[in-house]
């Protein structure tokens, strides 16, 4: 922390180097604003989080209020959340009022950030979370946790603008990438996902005052053995109206994926859902294009809209059932347009 204070106060292009080794490190906040025109946090080591949950507030490592931050790894550098000891205490998959475990690395209120060539292993909760950042690039990340680890999203994005995630491999127990509320201009390319729950926009519409999600572009992703491929999920009974619009999901490969293409506006992971009211999130102008591979369940395309989804386009889909028989499409309040080759057949 002393080294961070010196680096943050220095002018020009500054590098803080964490040399090779294994470091056991409690919760730390690397905050600006800083004088440096660019500040490189160069990690050449592995950092291990405590297993004692009483040492944590919300997160493990936090980078905040910095302009021109670069977090880079060398020599197999990794953040190891040592999450296995904590996962049994996570009740969020079954309880709405659960206590959230610590995120491994949180980026909050930064501008022009680059995160590259680094690994995250066995996070207690999310591996990386982006909150209220402008212009973030995430390049060549390796994210790993077991397929049964709860809520270990690879990258969670909320209230950000201008996020790029490229050339990255994510194997985890929840969403590989989750795009929450209030985001604009998200670009994801050449990412491999699996195991995990796939790539999700949402869940949206759970809380009061949520922002819109606009301009999401996902291209050249591979999903291997995931629960979902690309999914938009919104809660019923939303307290605030919002918009999820202008999204393109293209050139995707599905390998033995349960739900390759899914819009779910009746998302509710708990048991006491009434299904009384439609979602307050309007979904419009969404394109699924050039998606190929295999589905492990018969329904390969599920468009389950509350209020009608507007401007949904499906183009050149080829999704075959891994078992015996054929795949099918299932639609509800989805006014979709079909272009080019379509397998499974469109909803009638």
Protein backbone atom coordinates (compact mmCIF):
# COMPACT_ATOMS: atom_id res chain seq x y z
CA UNK A 1 0.00 0.00 0.00
CA UNK A 2 2.94 2.31 0.64
CA UNK A 3 4.23 1.58 -2.86
CA UNK A 4 0.77 2.35 -4.31
CA UNK A 5 0.71 5.73 -2.55
CA UNK A 6 4.11 6.65 -3.99
CA UNK A 7 3.15 5.47 -7.49
CA UNK A 8 -0.20 7.27 -7.39
CA UNK A 9 1.46 10.53 -6.34
CA UNK A 10 4.16 10.40 -9.04
CA UNK A 11 3.80 12.20 -12.37
CA UNK A 12 4.10 10.71 -15.85
CA UNK A 13 3.90 7.03 -16.79
CA UNK A 14 4.44 5.03 -13.62
CA UNK A 15 4.82 1.27 -12.98
CA UNK A 16 4.28 -0.48 -9.67
CA UNK A 17 5.88 -3.93 -9.86
CA UNK A 18 4.89 -6.87 -7.65
CA UNK A 19 7.81 -9.29 -8.14
CA UNK A 20 7.57 -13.07 -8.45
CA UNK A 21 6.44 -15.09 -5.46
CA UNK A 22 3.31 -16.06 -3.58
CA UNK A 23 1.70 -13.32 -1.48
CA UNK A 24 -1.04 -13.81 1.08
CA UNK A 25 -2.97 -10.60 1.08
CA UNK A 26 -6.00 -9.34 2.95
CA UNK A 27 -8.60 -6.93 1.52
CA UNK A 28 -6.93 -3.94 -0.17
CA UNK A 29 -8.19 -0.77 -1.83
CA UNK A 30 -6.01 0.81 -4.51
CA UNK A 31 -7.73 4.16 -4.92
CA UNK A 32 -7.02 7.38 -6.81
CA UNK A 33 -7.26 9.98 -8.06
CA UNK A 34 -3.61 9.74 -9.11
CA UNK A 35 -1.20 12.24 -10.66
CA UNK A 36 0.25 9.68 -13.06
CA UNK A 37 -0.79 9.97 -16.72
CA UNK A 38 -0.79 6.15 -16.75
CA UNK A 39 -0.30 3.79 -13.83
CA UNK A 40 0.70 0.18 -14.51
CA UNK A 41 0.11 -2.37 -11.75
CA UNK A 42 2.47 -5.14 -12.97
CA UNK A 43 1.78 -8.42 -11.19
CA UNK A 44 4.49 -11.06 -11.62
CA UNK A 45 3.27 -13.11 -8.69
CA UNK A 46 0.31 -15.02 -7.31
CA UNK A 47 -1.84 -13.35 -4.69
CA UNK A 48 -3.87 -15.54 -2.34
CA UNK A 49 -6.92 -14.28 -0.48
CA UNK A 50 -7.68 -15.15 3.15
CA UNK A 51 -10.16 -17.96 3.74
CA UNK A 52 -11.53 -16.29 6.90
CA UNK A 53 -14.70 -14.45 5.76
CA UNK A 54 -14.71 -12.26 8.90
CA UNK A 55 -11.76 -10.33 7.44
CA UNK A 56 -13.81 -9.03 4.51
CA UNK A 57 -16.20 -6.19 3.92
CA UNK A 58 -17.49 -6.41 0.37
CA UNK A 59 -14.53 -7.25 -1.84
CA UNK A 60 -10.99 -8.51 -1.81
CA UNK A 61 -9.05 -6.19 -4.15
CA UNK A 62 -10.47 -2.90 -5.38
CA UNK A 63 -9.09 -0.49 -7.97
CA UNK A 64 -11.02 2.78 -7.98
CA UNK A 65 -11.08 6.38 -9.16
CA UNK A 66 -8.00 6.04 -11.39
CA UNK A 67 -7.51 7.32 -14.95
CA UNK A 68 -5.16 5.42 -17.25
CA UNK A 69 -4.85 2.30 -15.08
CA UNK A 70 -3.19 -0.82 -16.53
CA UNK A 71 -3.38 -4.06 -14.53
CA UNK A 72 -1.06 -6.53 -16.28
CA UNK A 73 0.27 -9.97 -15.47
CA UNK A 74 3.53 -11.75 -16.26
CA UNK A 75 4.92 -15.21 -15.44
CA UNK A 76 1.48 -16.75 -14.94
CA UNK A 77 0.38 -14.09 -12.47
CA UNK A 78 -2.89 -14.89 -10.72
CA UNK A 79 -5.43 -13.69 -8.20
CA UNK A 80 -6.38 -16.77 -6.15
CA UNK A 81 -9.57 -16.16 -4.19
CA UNK A 82 -9.28 -19.49 -2.33
CA UNK A 83 -13.03 -19.72 -2.61
CA UNK A 84 -13.64 -23.42 -1.95
CA UNK A 85 -13.77 -22.90 1.83
CA UNK A 86 -16.42 -20.18 1.39
CA UNK A 87 -18.75 -21.68 -1.24
CA UNK A 88 -20.80 -23.70 1.31
CA UNK A 89 -21.72 -20.39 3.03
CA UNK A 90 -23.20 -18.90 -0.16
CA UNK A 91 -27.00 -19.09 0.05
CA UNK A 92 -27.68 -16.73 -2.89
CA UNK A 93 -28.80 -19.49 -5.29
CA UNK A 94 -31.72 -20.29 -2.95
CA UNK A 95 -32.33 -17.13 -0.86
CA UNK A 96 -33.22 -13.68 -2.15
CA UNK A 97 -31.95 -11.93 1.01
CA UNK A 98 -28.59 -13.71 1.08
CA UNK A 99 -25.28 -12.30 2.29
CA UNK A 100 -23.05 -11.76 -0.74
CA UNK A 101 -19.51 -13.14 -0.55
CA UNK A 102 -16.48 -11.04 -1.62
CA UNK A 103 -15.70 -10.39 -5.28
CA UNK A 104 -12.03 -11.05 -6.08
CA UNK A 105 -11.22 -7.91 -8.09
CA UNK A 106 -13.54 -4.90 -8.38
CA UNK A 107 -12.95 -1.96 -10.72
CA UNK A 108 -15.05 1.04 -9.74
CA UNK A 109 -15.22 4.57 -11.20
CA UNK A 110 -12.13 4.24 -13.40
CA UNK A 111 -11.51 5.71 -16.86
CA UNK A 112 -9.42 4.23 -19.68
CA UNK A 113 -8.50 0.96 -17.97
CA UNK A 114 -6.65 -2.03 -19.45
CA UNK A 115 -6.63 -5.43 -17.73
CA UNK A 116 -4.48 -7.99 -19.56
CA UNK A 117 -2.52 -11.25 -19.39
CA UNK A 118 -3.73 -12.25 -15.95
CA UNK A 119 -5.54 -15.15 -14.28
CA UNK A 120 -8.22 -15.39 -11.63
CA UNK A 121 -8.70 -18.68 -9.81
CA UNK A 122 -11.41 -19.90 -7.42
CA UNK A 123 -13.07 -16.61 -6.56
CA UNK A 124 -15.38 -16.59 -3.56
CA UNK A 125 -18.05 -14.75 -5.58
CA UNK A 126 -17.44 -12.89 -8.89
CA UNK A 127 -13.92 -13.09 -10.34
CA UNK A 128 -13.93 -9.60 -11.86
CA UNK A 129 -16.61 -6.91 -11.47
CA UNK A 130 -16.80 -3.62 -13.37
CA UNK A 131 -18.89 -0.87 -11.78
CA UNK A 132 -19.35 2.63 -13.20
CA UNK A 133 -16.26 2.55 -15.41
CA UNK A 134 -15.65 4.33 -18.72
CA UNK A 135 -13.62 2.66 -21.47
CA UNK A 136 -12.33 -0.67 -20.13
CA UNK A 137 -10.36 -3.24 -22.13
CA UNK A 138 -9.96 -6.80 -20.84
CA UNK A 139 -7.48 -8.80 -22.92
CA UNK A 140 -6.15 -12.36 -22.66
CA UNK A 141 -7.63 -13.29 -19.27
CA UNK A 142 -7.79 -16.83 -17.86
CA UNK A 143 -10.61 -17.37 -15.38
CA UNK A 144 -11.06 -20.71 -13.61
CA UNK A 145 -13.35 -22.19 -10.96
CA UNK A 146 -15.17 -25.55 -10.76
CA UNK A 147 -18.48 -25.92 -12.59
CA UNK A 148 -20.33 -26.35 -9.28
CA UNK A 149 -18.93 -23.19 -7.61
CA UNK A 150 -21.87 -20.83 -6.89
CA UNK A 151 -22.07 -17.26 -8.26
CA UNK A 152 -18.49 -17.29 -9.55
CA UNK A 153 -19.30 -15.12 -12.59
CA UNK A 154 -16.19 -14.53 -14.70
CA UNK A 155 -16.79 -10.85 -15.50
CA UNK A 156 -19.81 -8.94 -14.21
CA UNK A 157 -20.50 -5.52 -15.76
CA UNK A 158 -22.79 -2.85 -14.29
CA UNK A 159 -23.35 0.84 -15.10
CA UNK A 160 -20.39 0.96 -17.49
CA UNK A 161 -19.81 2.43 -20.94
CA UNK A 162 -17.30 1.18 -23.48
CA UNK A 163 -16.25 -2.30 -22.30
CA UNK A 164 -14.21 -4.64 -24.54
CA UNK A 165 -13.46 -8.27 -23.61
CA UNK A 166 -11.30 -10.22 -26.10
CA UNK A 167 -9.13 -13.36 -26.42
CA UNK A 168 -10.21 -14.75 -23.08
CA UNK A 169 -11.00 -18.21 -21.66
CA UNK A 170 -13.55 -18.54 -18.85
CA UNK A 171 -14.36 -21.78 -17.01
CA UNK A 172 -16.54 -21.20 -13.97
CA UNK A 173 -19.67 -22.11 -12.02
CA UNK A 174 -21.98 -19.29 -13.09
CA UNK A 175 -22.17 -16.84 -16.01
CA UNK A 176 -18.90 -16.52 -17.92
CA UNK A 177 -19.87 -12.90 -18.63
CA UNK A 178 -22.90 -11.19 -17.08
CA UNK A 179 -24.03 -7.80 -18.36
CA UNK A 180 -26.13 -6.17 -15.65
CA UNK A 181 -28.19 -2.99 -15.71
CA UNK A 182 -27.17 0.44 -16.96
CA UNK A 183 -24.58 -0.55 -19.59
CA UNK A 184 -23.85 0.87 -23.04
CA UNK A 185 -21.45 -0.16 -25.81
CA UNK A 186 -20.22 -3.62 -24.76
CA UNK A 187 -18.03 -5.51 -27.25
CA UNK A 188 -17.10 -9.18 -26.66
CA UNK A 189 -15.00 -11.17 -29.14
CA UNK A 190 -13.04 -14.44 -29.25
CA UNK A 191 -14.06 -15.68 -25.82
CA UNK A 192 -14.32 -19.38 -24.89
CA UNK A 193 -16.87 -20.23 -22.21
CA UNK A 194 -17.33 -23.51 -20.37
CA UNK A 195 -18.19 -24.90 -17.96
CA UNK A 196 -20.62 -22.31 -16.61
CA UNK A 197 -24.03 -20.82 -17.24
CA UNK A 198 -23.05 -19.13 -20.52
CA UNK A 199 -23.18 -15.44 -21.43
CA UNK A 200 -26.04 -13.43 -20.00
CA UNK A 201 -27.57 -10.01 -20.40
CA UNK A 202 -29.23 -9.70 -17.02
CA UNK A 203 -30.80 -10.41 -14.86
CA UNK A 204 -32.56 -7.09 -15.44
CA UNK A 205 -35.61 -5.53 -13.82
CA UNK A 206 -35.17 -6.66 -10.25
CA UNK A 207 -34.56 -3.30 -8.52
CA UNK A 208 -35.96 0.24 -8.57
CA UNK A 209 -34.17 2.71 -10.84
CA UNK A 210 -32.29 0.33 -13.12
CA UNK A 211 -30.72 1.81 -16.24
CA UNK A 212 -31.07 0.66 -19.85
CA UNK A 213 -28.76 -1.84 -21.53
CA UNK A 214 -27.90 -0.78 -25.08
CA UNK A 215 -25.43 -1.60 -27.86
CA UNK A 216 -24.13 -5.06 -26.99
CA UNK A 217 -22.06 -6.87 -29.65
CA UNK A 218 -20.95 -10.47 -29.10
CA UNK A 219 -18.94 -12.22 -31.82
CA UNK A 220 -16.80 -15.36 -32.25
CA UNK A 221 -17.61 -16.98 -28.92
CA UNK A 222 -17.48 -20.72 -28.23
CA UNK A 223 -19.68 -22.32 -25.57
CA UNK A 224 -18.61 -25.80 -24.44
CA UNK A 225 -20.92 -27.80 -22.17
CA UNK A 226 -22.57 -24.70 -20.69
CA UNK A 227 -26.08 -24.39 -19.29
CA UNK A 228 -26.92 -21.56 -21.70
CA UNK A 229 -25.35 -20.04 -24.77
CA UNK A 230 -26.47 -16.43 -25.10
CA UNK A 231 -29.31 -15.41 -22.79
CA UNK A 232 -31.30 -12.27 -22.03
CA UNK A 233 -33.07 -12.65 -18.69
CA UNK A 234 -35.44 -10.20 -17.00
CA UNK A 235 -37.45 -10.47 -13.80
CA UNK A 236 -41.20 -10.42 -13.63
CA UNK A 237 -42.93 -7.75 -11.54
CA UNK A 238 -40.19 -5.16 -12.26
CA UNK A 239 -40.54 -2.06 -10.05
CA UNK A 240 -39.09 0.21 -12.80
CA UNK A 241 -39.46 0.21 -16.57
CA UNK A 242 -36.23 -0.06 -18.61
CA UNK A 243 -34.95 -0.98 -22.05
CA UNK A 244 -32.69 -3.76 -23.38
CA UNK A 245 -31.98 -2.94 -27.01
CA UNK A 246 -29.62 -2.89 -30.01
CA UNK A 247 -27.84 -6.18 -29.45
CA UNK A 248 -26.11 -8.50 -31.93
CA UNK A 249 -24.95 -12.04 -31.13
CA UNK A 250 -23.11 -13.49 -34.13
CA UNK A 251 -20.71 -16.21 -35.27
CA UNK A 252 -21.14 -18.39 -32.19
CA UNK A 253 -20.32 -22.07 -31.74
CA UNK A 254 -22.36 -24.22 -29.34
CA UNK A 255 -20.94 -27.56 -28.16
CA UNK A 256 -23.43 -29.62 -26.16
CA UNK A 257 -25.20 -26.53 -24.71
CA UNK A 258 -28.54 -26.94 -22.87
CA UNK A 259 -30.16 -23.68 -24.08
CA UNK A 260 -28.13 -22.23 -26.98
CA UNK A 261 -30.40 -19.19 -27.64
CA UNK A 262 -32.74 -17.96 -24.94
CA UNK A 263 -34.76 -14.89 -24.02
CA UNK A 264 -36.44 -15.36 -20.65
CA UNK A 265 -38.68 -12.58 -19.35
CA UNK A 266 -40.04 -14.78 -16.58
CA UNK A 267 -36.72 -15.26 -14.83
CA UNK A 268 -37.13 -16.25 -11.19
CA UNK A 269 -34.63 -18.60 -9.56
CA UNK A 270 -36.60 -18.92 -6.34
CA UNK A 271 -39.52 -21.15 -5.50
CA UNK A 272 -42.29 -18.69 -4.65
CA UNK A 273 -42.72 -16.98 -8.03
CA UNK A 274 -46.29 -16.04 -8.84
CA UNK A 275 -46.00 -15.28 -12.58
CA UNK A 276 -48.70 -12.61 -12.14
CA UNK A 277 -47.16 -9.63 -13.90
CA UNK A 278 -45.06 -9.22 -17.03
CA UNK A 279 -41.53 -7.87 -16.92
CA UNK A 280 -41.11 -4.09 -17.06
CA UNK A 281 -38.07 -4.46 -19.34
CA UNK A 282 -38.74 -3.82 -23.03
CA UNK A 283 -36.59 -5.97 -25.33
CA UNK A 284 -36.13 -4.66 -28.86
CA UNK A 285 -33.80 -4.87 -31.86
CA UNK A 286 -31.93 -8.07 -30.99
CA UNK A 287 -30.21 -10.18 -33.67
CA UNK A 288 -29.00 -13.77 -33.35
CA UNK A 289 -26.89 -14.56 -36.42
CA UNK A 290 -24.72 -17.44 -37.68
CA UNK A 291 -25.04 -19.68 -34.62
CA UNK A 292 -24.04 -23.31 -35.11
CA UNK A 293 -23.48 -26.45 -33.06
CA UNK A 294 -25.28 -28.89 -30.79
CA UNK A 295 -27.94 -28.58 -28.13
CA UNK A 296 -28.12 -31.05 -25.23
CA UNK A 297 -31.87 -30.40 -24.81
CA UNK A 298 -34.54 -30.63 -27.54
CA UNK A 299 -35.55 -26.93 -27.34
CA UNK A 300 -32.58 -25.11 -28.88
CA UNK A 301 -34.26 -21.70 -29.32
CA UNK A 302 -36.48 -20.35 -26.53
CA UNK A 303 -37.99 -16.88 -26.88
CA UNK A 304 -40.10 -16.38 -23.76
CA UNK A 305 -41.19 -12.77 -23.77
CA UNK A 306 -43.49 -11.10 -21.23
CA UNK A 307 -44.56 -8.08 -23.21
CA UNK A 308 -43.88 -8.63 -26.93
CA UNK A 309 -40.20 -8.58 -27.89
CA UNK A 310 -39.80 -6.17 -30.81
CA UNK A 311 -37.40 -6.44 -33.73
CA UNK A 312 -35.96 -9.86 -32.90
CA UNK A 313 -34.10 -11.32 -35.90
CA UNK A 314 -32.81 -14.89 -36.20
CA UNK A 315 -30.51 -15.51 -39.15
CA UNK A 316 -28.62 -18.63 -40.26
CA UNK A 317 -29.04 -20.89 -37.24
CA UNK A 318 -27.96 -24.54 -37.34
CA UNK A 319 -28.46 -26.17 -33.94
CA UNK A 320 -28.79 -29.94 -33.88
CA UNK A 321 -29.87 -32.11 -30.94
CA UNK A 322 -27.07 -34.13 -29.43
CA UNK A 323 -29.47 -36.94 -28.52
CA UNK A 324 -31.86 -38.90 -30.70
CA UNK A 325 -34.39 -36.77 -32.56
CA UNK A 326 -34.56 -33.15 -33.60
CA UNK A 327 -34.33 -29.73 -32.03
CA UNK A 328 -37.25 -27.33 -31.85
CA UNK A 329 -38.06 -23.66 -31.23
CA UNK A 330 -40.43 -22.39 -28.56
CA UNK A 331 -41.82 -18.87 -28.57
CA UNK A 332 -44.09 -16.73 -26.41
CA UNK A 333 -44.95 -13.11 -27.33
CA UNK A 334 -41.94 -12.98 -29.66
CA UNK A 335 -42.51 -11.26 -32.98
CA UNK A 336 -39.37 -12.59 -34.64
CA UNK A 337 -38.13 -12.31 -38.20
CA UNK A 338 -36.35 -15.30 -39.71
CA UNK A 339 -33.65 -14.94 -42.38
CA UNK A 340 -31.58 -17.56 -44.23
CA UNK A 341 -31.11 -21.14 -43.07
CA UNK A 342 -33.06 -22.06 -39.91
CA UNK A 343 -32.62 -25.26 -37.93
CA UNK A 344 -34.56 -25.79 -35.75
CA UNK A 345 -37.57 -24.59 -37.70
CA UNK A 346 -39.02 -21.23 -36.66
CA UNK A 347 -41.91 -21.02 -34.21
CA UNK A 348 -45.26 -21.20 -35.97
